[in-house]
């Protein structure tokens, strides 16, 4: 993976702009781990028109995290 820094005014599909995006190899595995720890999912999981599957959660400091996998 390449490091990418972006500045956005919208998160895509009408969502808020995440504070951090993390690309993972298997979003379903990460999603199950998040569900197992009872972390609330704020958005998704969704298959987006841009070719990613993703969901949003908040970290303990309230930052919005976008977890995604390119399909």
PDB file of N, CA and C in Angstrom:
ATOM      1  N   UNK A   1       0.823  -1.171   0.000  1.00  0.00           N
ATOM      2  CA  UNK A   1       0.000   0.000   0.000  1.00  0.00           C
ATOM      3  C   UNK A   1       0.873   1.242   0.000  1.00  0.00           C
ATOM      4  N   UNK A   2       0.389   2.245  -0.671  1.00  0.00           N
ATOM      5  CA  UNK A   2       1.057   3.535  -0.682  1.00  0.00           C
ATOM      6  C   UNK A   2       0.436   4.439   0.365  1.00  0.00           C
ATOM      7  N   UNK A   3       1.257   5.289   0.941  1.00  0.00           N
ATOM      8  CA  UNK A   3       0.752   6.276   1.891  1.00  0.00           C
ATOM      9  C   UNK A   3       0.061   7.369   1.095  1.00  0.00           C
ATOM     10  N   UNK A   4      -1.096   7.793   1.568  1.00  0.00           N
ATOM     11  CA  UNK A   4      -1.854   8.840   0.881  1.00  0.00           C
ATOM     12  C   UNK A   4      -2.362   9.823   1.909  1.00  0.00           C
ATOM     13  N   UNK A   5      -2.197  11.096   1.633  1.00  0.00           N
ATOM     14  CA  UNK A   5      -2.751  12.139   2.490  1.00  0.00           C
ATOM     15  C   UNK A   5      -3.756  12.916   1.649  1.00  0.00           C
ATOM     16  N   UNK A   6      -4.979  13.021   2.156  1.00  0.00           N
ATOM     17  CA  UNK A   6      -6.040  13.715   1.431  1.00  0.00           C
ATOM     18  C   UNK A   6      -6.723  14.711   2.352  1.00  0.00           C
ATOM     19  N   UNK A   7      -7.244  15.756   1.771  1.00  0.00           N
ATOM     20  CA  UNK A   7      -8.035  16.740   2.498  1.00  0.00           C
ATOM     21  C   UNK A   7      -9.389  16.792   1.805  1.00  0.00           C
ATOM     22  N   UNK A   8     -10.436  16.469   2.542  1.00  0.00           N
ATOM     23  CA  UNK A   8     -11.763  16.351   1.935  1.00  0.00           C
ATOM     24  C   UNK A   8     -12.770  17.230   2.662  1.00  0.00           C
ATOM     25  N   UNK A   9     -13.843  17.551   1.948  1.00  0.00           N
ATOM     26  CA  UNK A   9     -14.935  18.301   2.555  1.00  0.00           C
ATOM     27  C   UNK A   9     -16.158  17.419   2.754  1.00  0.00           C
ATOM     28  N   UNK A  10     -16.089  16.186   2.237  1.00  0.00           N
ATOM     29  CA  UNK A  10     -17.179  15.225   2.385  1.00  0.00           C
ATOM     30  C   UNK A  10     -16.580  13.833   2.362  1.00  0.00           C
ATOM     31  N   UNK A  11     -17.177  12.915   3.115  1.00  0.00           N
ATOM     32  CA  UNK A  11     -16.622  11.575   3.233  1.00  0.00           C
ATOM     33  C   UNK A  11     -17.053  10.613   2.142  1.00  0.00           C
ATOM     34  N   UNK A  12     -17.876  11.050   1.220  1.00  0.00           N
ATOM     35  CA  UNK A  12     -18.386  10.168   0.175  1.00  0.00           C
ATOM     36  C   UNK A  12     -19.708   9.565   0.591  1.00  0.00           C
ATOM     37  N   UNK A  13     -20.602   9.400  -0.344  1.00  0.00           N
ATOM     38  CA  UNK A  13     -21.936   8.847  -0.095  1.00  0.00           C
ATOM     39  C   UNK A  13     -22.694   9.627   0.979  1.00  0.00           C
ATOM     40  N   UNK A  14     -22.393  10.917   1.087  1.00  0.00           N
ATOM     41  CA  UNK A  14     -23.097  11.765   2.042  1.00  0.00           C
ATOM     42  C   UNK A  14     -22.656  11.616   3.486  1.00  0.00           C
ATOM     43  N   UNK A  15     -21.531  10.941   3.722  1.00  0.00           N
ATOM     44  CA  UNK A  15     -21.057  10.726   5.092  1.00  0.00           C
ATOM     45  C   UNK A  15     -20.169  11.875   5.555  1.00  0.00           C
ATOM     46  N   UNK A  16     -19.929  11.927   6.846  1.00  0.00           N
ATOM     47  CA  UNK A  16     -18.987  12.889   7.412  1.00  0.00           C
ATOM     48  C   UNK A  16     -17.576  12.556   6.943  1.00  0.00           C
ATOM     49  N   UNK A  17     -16.709  13.557   6.991  1.00  0.00           N
ATOM     50  CA  UNK A  17     -15.308  13.335   6.639  1.00  0.00           C
ATOM     51  C   UNK A  17     -14.629  12.618   7.804  1.00  0.00           C
ATOM     52  N   UNK A  18     -14.052  11.429   7.571  1.00  0.00           N
ATOM     53  CA  UNK A  18     -13.374  10.733   8.664  1.00  0.00           C
ATOM     54  C   UNK A  18     -12.082  11.449   9.045  1.00  0.00           C
ATOM     55  N   UNK A  19     -11.693  11.282  10.298  1.00  0.00           N
ATOM     56  CA  UNK A  19     -10.427  11.836  10.762  1.00  0.00           C
ATOM     57  C   UNK A  19      -9.245  11.001  10.271  1.00  0.00           C
ATOM     58  N   UNK A  20      -9.501   9.717  10.059  1.00  0.00           N
ATOM     59  CA  UNK A  20      -8.450   8.800   9.630  1.00  0.00           C
ATOM     60  C   UNK A  20      -9.085   7.672   8.843  1.00  0.00           C
ATOM     61  N   UNK A  21      -8.438   7.268   7.761  1.00  0.00           N
ATOM     62  CA  UNK A  21      -8.872   6.099   7.000  1.00  0.00           C
ATOM     63  C   UNK A  21      -7.789   5.042   7.083  1.00  0.00           C
ATOM     64  N   UNK A  22      -8.213   3.811   7.303  1.00  0.00           N
ATOM     65  CA  UNK A  22      -7.276   2.688   7.397  1.00  0.00           C
ATOM     66  C   UNK A  22      -7.691   1.639   6.383  1.00  0.00           C
ATOM     67  N   UNK A  23      -6.803   1.362   5.424  1.00  0.00           N
ATOM     68  CA  UNK A  23      -7.064   0.312   4.445  1.00  0.00           C
ATOM     69  C   UNK A  23      -6.583  -1.020   5.017  1.00  0.00           C
ATOM     70  N   UNK A  24      -7.441  -2.028   4.960  1.00  0.00           N
ATOM     71  CA  UNK A  24      -7.116  -3.347   5.486  1.00  0.00           C
ATOM     72  C   UNK A  24      -7.207  -4.388   4.378  1.00  0.00           C
ATOM     73  N   UNK A  25      -6.603  -5.546   4.600  1.00  0.00           N
ATOM     74  CA  UNK A  25      -6.645  -6.624   3.619  1.00  0.00           C
ATOM     75  C   UNK A  25      -7.987  -7.345   3.606  1.00  0.00           C
ATOM     76  N   UNK A  26      -8.643  -7.418   4.773  1.00  0.00           N
ATOM     77  CA  UNK A  26      -9.906  -8.155   4.872  1.00  0.00           C
ATOM     78  C   UNK A  26     -10.846  -7.396   5.804  1.00  0.00           C
ATOM     79  N   UNK A  27     -11.693  -6.560   5.221  1.00  0.00           N
ATOM     80  CA  UNK A  27     -12.582  -5.715   6.013  1.00  0.00           C
ATOM     81  C   UNK A  27     -13.589  -6.543   6.814  1.00  0.00           C
ATOM     82  N   UNK A  28     -13.976  -7.705   6.314  1.00  0.00           N
ATOM     83  CA  UNK A  28     -14.951  -8.542   7.037  1.00  0.00           C
ATOM     84  C   UNK A  28     -14.366  -9.078   8.341  1.00  0.00           C
ATOM     85  N   UNK A  29     -13.097  -9.448   8.323  1.00  0.00           N
ATOM     86  CA  UNK A  29     -12.436  -9.924   9.549  1.00  0.00           C
ATOM     87  C   UNK A  29     -12.365  -8.807  10.587  1.00  0.00           C
ATOM     88  N   UNK A  30     -11.990  -7.613  10.144  1.00  0.00           N
ATOM     89  CA  UNK A  30     -11.916  -6.472  11.062  1.00  0.00           C
ATOM     90  C   UNK A  30     -13.311  -6.131  11.585  1.00  0.00           C
ATOM     91  N   UNK A  31     -14.306  -6.173  10.717  1.00  0.00           N
ATOM     92  CA  UNK A  31     -15.681  -5.893  11.119  1.00  0.00           C
ATOM     93  C   UNK A  31     -16.140  -6.858  12.209  1.00  0.00           C
ATOM     94  N   UNK A  32     -15.860  -8.128  12.055  1.00  0.00           N
ATOM     95  CA  UNK A  32     -16.248  -9.118  13.072  1.00  0.00           C
ATOM     96  C   UNK A  32     -15.554  -8.850  14.401  1.00  0.00           C
ATOM     97  N   UNK A  33     -14.274  -8.469  14.359  1.00  0.00           N
ATOM     98  CA  UNK A  33     -13.552  -8.145  15.598  1.00  0.00           C
ATOM     99  C   UNK A  33     -14.154  -6.921  16.278  1.00  0.00           C
ATOM    100  N   UNK A  34     -14.539  -5.926  15.494  1.00  0.00           N
ATOM    101  CA  UNK A  34     -15.175  -4.730  16.045  1.00  0.00           C
ATOM    102  C   UNK A  34     -16.497  -5.102  16.700  1.00  0.00           C
ATOM    103  N   UNK A  35     -17.293  -5.907  16.013  1.00  0.00           N
ATOM    104  CA  UNK A  35     -18.583  -6.341  16.572  1.00  0.00           C
ATOM    105  C   UNK A  35     -18.389  -7.156  17.847  1.00  0.00           C
ATOM    106  N   UNK A  36     -17.371  -8.010  17.880  1.00  0.00           N
ATOM    107  CA  UNK A  36     -17.094  -8.846  19.050  1.00  0.00           C
ATOM    108  C   UNK A  36     -16.738  -8.009  20.278  1.00  0.00           C
ATOM    109  N   UNK A  37     -16.172  -6.831  20.067  1.00  0.00           N
ATOM    110  CA  UNK A  37     -15.794  -5.970  21.194  1.00  0.00           C
ATOM    111  C   UNK A  37     -16.856  -4.921  21.495  1.00  0.00           C
ATOM    112  N   UNK A  38     -18.020  -5.029  20.817  1.00  0.00           N
ATOM    113  CA  UNK A  38     -19.155  -4.128  21.043  1.00  0.00           C
ATOM    114  C   UNK A  38     -18.843  -2.658  20.775  1.00  0.00           C
ATOM    115  N   UNK A  39     -17.937  -2.399  19.837  1.00  0.00           N
ATOM    116  CA  UNK A  39     -17.679  -1.022  19.411  1.00  0.00           C
ATOM    117  C   UNK A  39     -18.807  -0.625  18.465  1.00  0.00           C
ATOM    118  N   UNK A  40     -19.500   0.484  18.734  1.00  0.00           N
ATOM    119  CA  UNK A  40     -20.606   0.891  17.858  1.00  0.00           C
ATOM    120  C   UNK A  40     -20.115   1.247  16.449  1.00  0.00           C
ATOM    121  N   UNK A  41     -20.825   0.761  15.465  1.00  0.00           N
ATOM    122  CA  UNK A  41     -20.524   1.086  14.075  1.00  0.00           C
ATOM    123  C   UNK A  41     -21.380   2.288  13.708  1.00  0.00           C
ATOM    124  N   UNK A  42     -20.735   3.353  13.244  1.00  0.00           N
ATOM    125  CA  UNK A  42     -21.447   4.598  12.931  1.00  0.00           C
ATOM    126  C   UNK A  42     -21.980   4.631  11.504  1.00  0.00           C
ATOM    127  N   UNK A  43     -21.370   3.858  10.608  1.00  0.00           N
ATOM    128  CA  UNK A  43     -21.804   3.832   9.209  1.00  0.00           C
ATOM    129  C   UNK A  43     -21.356   2.503   8.609  1.00  0.00           C
ATOM    130  N   UNK A  44     -22.251   1.920   7.819  1.00  0.00           N
ATOM    131  CA  UNK A  44     -21.879   0.706   7.100  1.00  0.00           C
ATOM    132  C   UNK A  44     -22.101  -0.544   7.917  1.00  0.00           C
ATOM    133  N   UNK A  45     -21.556  -1.612   7.414  1.00  0.00           N
ATOM    134  CA  UNK A  45     -20.671  -1.700   6.254  1.00  0.00           C
ATOM    135  C   UNK A  45     -21.431  -1.480   4.944  1.00  0.00           C
ATOM    136  N   UNK A  46     -20.748  -0.845   4.014  1.00  0.00           N
ATOM    137  CA  UNK A  46     -21.337  -0.521   2.719  1.00  0.00           C
ATOM    138  C   UNK A  46     -20.346  -0.809   1.598  1.00  0.00           C
ATOM    139  N   UNK A  47     -20.877  -1.240   0.463  1.00  0.00           N
ATOM    140  CA  UNK A  47     -20.107  -1.319  -0.775  1.00  0.00           C
ATOM    141  C   UNK A  47     -20.342  -0.006  -1.503  1.00  0.00           C
ATOM    142  N   UNK A  48     -19.302   0.797  -1.631  1.00  0.00           N
ATOM    143  CA  UNK A  48     -19.436   2.135  -2.198  1.00  0.00           C
ATOM    144  C   UNK A  48     -19.210   2.124  -3.710  1.00  0.00           C
ATOM    145  N   UNK A  49     -19.796   3.106  -4.423  1.00  0.00           N
ATOM    146  CA  UNK A  49     -19.627   3.195  -5.874  1.00  0.00           C
ATOM    147  C   UNK A  49     -18.161   3.354  -6.308  1.00  0.00           C
ATOM    148  N   UNK A  50     -17.321   3.860  -5.415  1.00  0.00           N
ATOM    149  CA  UNK A  50     -15.911   4.071  -5.763  1.00  0.00           C
ATOM    150  C   UNK A  50     -15.092   2.784  -5.684  1.00  0.00           C
ATOM    151  N   UNK A  51     -15.736   1.654  -5.347  1.00  0.00           N
ATOM    152  CA  UNK A  51     -15.039   0.371  -5.351  1.00  0.00           C
ATOM    153  C   UNK A  51     -14.454  -0.057  -4.023  1.00  0.00           C
ATOM    154  N   UNK A  52     -14.935   0.515  -2.931  1.00  0.00           N
ATOM    155  CA  UNK A  52     -14.462   0.089  -1.615  1.00  0.00           C
ATOM    156  C   UNK A  52     -15.626  -0.453  -0.793  1.00  0.00           C
ATOM    157  N   UNK A  53     -15.313  -1.345   0.109  1.00  0.00           N
ATOM    158  CA  UNK A  53     -16.246  -1.776   1.157  1.00  0.00           C
ATOM    159  C   UNK A  53     -15.706  -1.168   2.424  1.00  0.00           C
ATOM    160  N   UNK A  54     -16.568  -0.514   3.200  1.00  0.00           N
ATOM    161  CA  UNK A  54     -16.066   0.212   4.369  1.00  0.00           C
ATOM    162  C   UNK A  54     -17.116   0.334   5.461  1.00  0.00           C
ATOM    163  N   UNK A  55     -16.626   0.720   6.633  1.00  0.00           N
ATOM    164  CA  UNK A  55     -17.481   1.087   7.763  1.00  0.00           C
ATOM    165  C   UNK A  55     -16.744   2.123   8.594  1.00  0.00           C
ATOM    166  N   UNK A  56     -17.517   2.863   9.398  1.00  0.00           N
ATOM    167  CA  UNK A  56     -16.960   3.894  10.281  1.00  0.00           C
ATOM    168  C   UNK A  56     -17.183   3.493  11.740  1.00  0.00           C
ATOM    169  N   UNK A  57     -16.181   3.764  12.559  1.00  0.00           N
ATOM    170  CA  UNK A  57     -16.271   3.660  14.019  1.00  0.00           C
ATOM    171  C   UNK A  57     -15.608   4.895  14.619  1.00  0.00           C
ATOM    172  N   UNK A  58     -15.785   5.092  15.918  1.00  0.00           N
ATOM    173  CA  UNK A  58     -15.085   6.180  16.626  1.00  0.00           C
ATOM    174  C   UNK A  58     -14.055   5.581  17.576  1.00  0.00           C
ATOM    175  N   UNK A  59     -12.905   6.234  17.652  1.00  0.00           N
ATOM    176  CA  UNK A  59     -11.894   5.794  18.604  1.00  0.00           C
ATOM    177  C   UNK A  59     -12.253   6.328  19.991  1.00  0.00           C
ATOM    178  N   UNK A  60     -11.511   5.947  21.032  1.00  0.00           N
ATOM    179  CA  UNK A  60     -11.853   6.394  22.395  1.00  0.00           C
ATOM    180  C   UNK A  60     -11.824   7.908  22.583  1.00  0.00           C
ATOM    181  N   UNK A  61     -11.187   8.639  21.658  1.00  0.00           N
ATOM    182  CA  UNK A  61     -11.103  10.093  21.763  1.00  0.00           C
ATOM    183  C   UNK A  61     -12.159  10.790  20.907  1.00  0.00           C
ATOM    184  N   UNK A  62     -13.045   9.996  20.277  1.00  0.00           N
ATOM    185  CA  UNK A  62     -14.128  10.561  19.486  1.00  0.00           C
ATOM    186  C   UNK A  62     -13.801  10.800  18.033  1.00  0.00           C
ATOM    187  N   UNK A  63     -12.629  10.397  17.593  1.00  0.00           N
ATOM    188  CA  UNK A  63     -12.238  10.578  16.196  1.00  0.00           C
ATOM    189  C   UNK A  63     -12.931   9.537  15.320  1.00  0.00           C
ATOM    190  N   UNK A  64     -13.407   9.968  14.154  1.00  0.00           N
ATOM    191  CA  UNK A  64     -14.106   9.094  13.231  1.00  0.00           C
ATOM    192  C   UNK A  64     -13.097   8.344  12.360  1.00  0.00           C
ATOM    193  N   UNK A  65     -13.181   7.011  12.403  1.00  0.00           N
ATOM    194  CA  UNK A  65     -12.241   6.148  11.685  1.00  0.00           C
ATOM    195  C   UNK A  65     -12.988   5.412  10.574  1.00  0.00           C
ATOM    196  N   UNK A  66     -12.454   5.515   9.366  1.00  0.00           N
ATOM    197  CA  UNK A  66     -12.976   4.850   8.189  1.00  0.00           C
ATOM    198  C   UNK A  66     -12.115   3.607   7.947  1.00  0.00           C
ATOM    199  N   UNK A  67     -12.701   2.426   8.073  1.00  0.00           N
ATOM    200  CA  UNK A  67     -11.981   1.167   7.820  1.00  0.00           C
ATOM    201  C   UNK A  67     -12.464   0.669   6.464  1.00  0.00           C
ATOM    202  N   UNK A  68     -11.533   0.447   5.536  1.00  0.00           N
ATOM    203  CA  UNK A  68     -11.929   0.141   4.171  1.00  0.00           C
ATOM    204  C   UNK A  68     -11.053  -0.920   3.520  1.00  0.00           C
ATOM    205  N   UNK A  69     -11.627  -1.532   2.498  1.00  0.00           N
ATOM    206  CA  UNK A  69     -10.913  -2.491   1.649  1.00  0.00           C
ATOM    207  C   UNK A  69     -11.346  -2.229   0.216  1.00  0.00           C
ATOM    208  N   UNK A  70     -10.367  -2.092  -0.676  1.00  0.00           N
ATOM    209  CA  UNK A  70     -10.690  -1.982  -2.095  1.00  0.00           C
ATOM    210  C   UNK A  70     -11.118  -3.348  -2.597  1.00  0.00           C
ATOM    211  N   UNK A  71     -12.199  -3.372  -3.384  1.00  0.00           N
ATOM    212  CA  UNK A  71     -12.732  -4.629  -3.884  1.00  0.00           C
ATOM    213  C   UNK A  71     -12.065  -5.038  -5.170  1.00  0.00           C
TER     214      UNK A  71
END
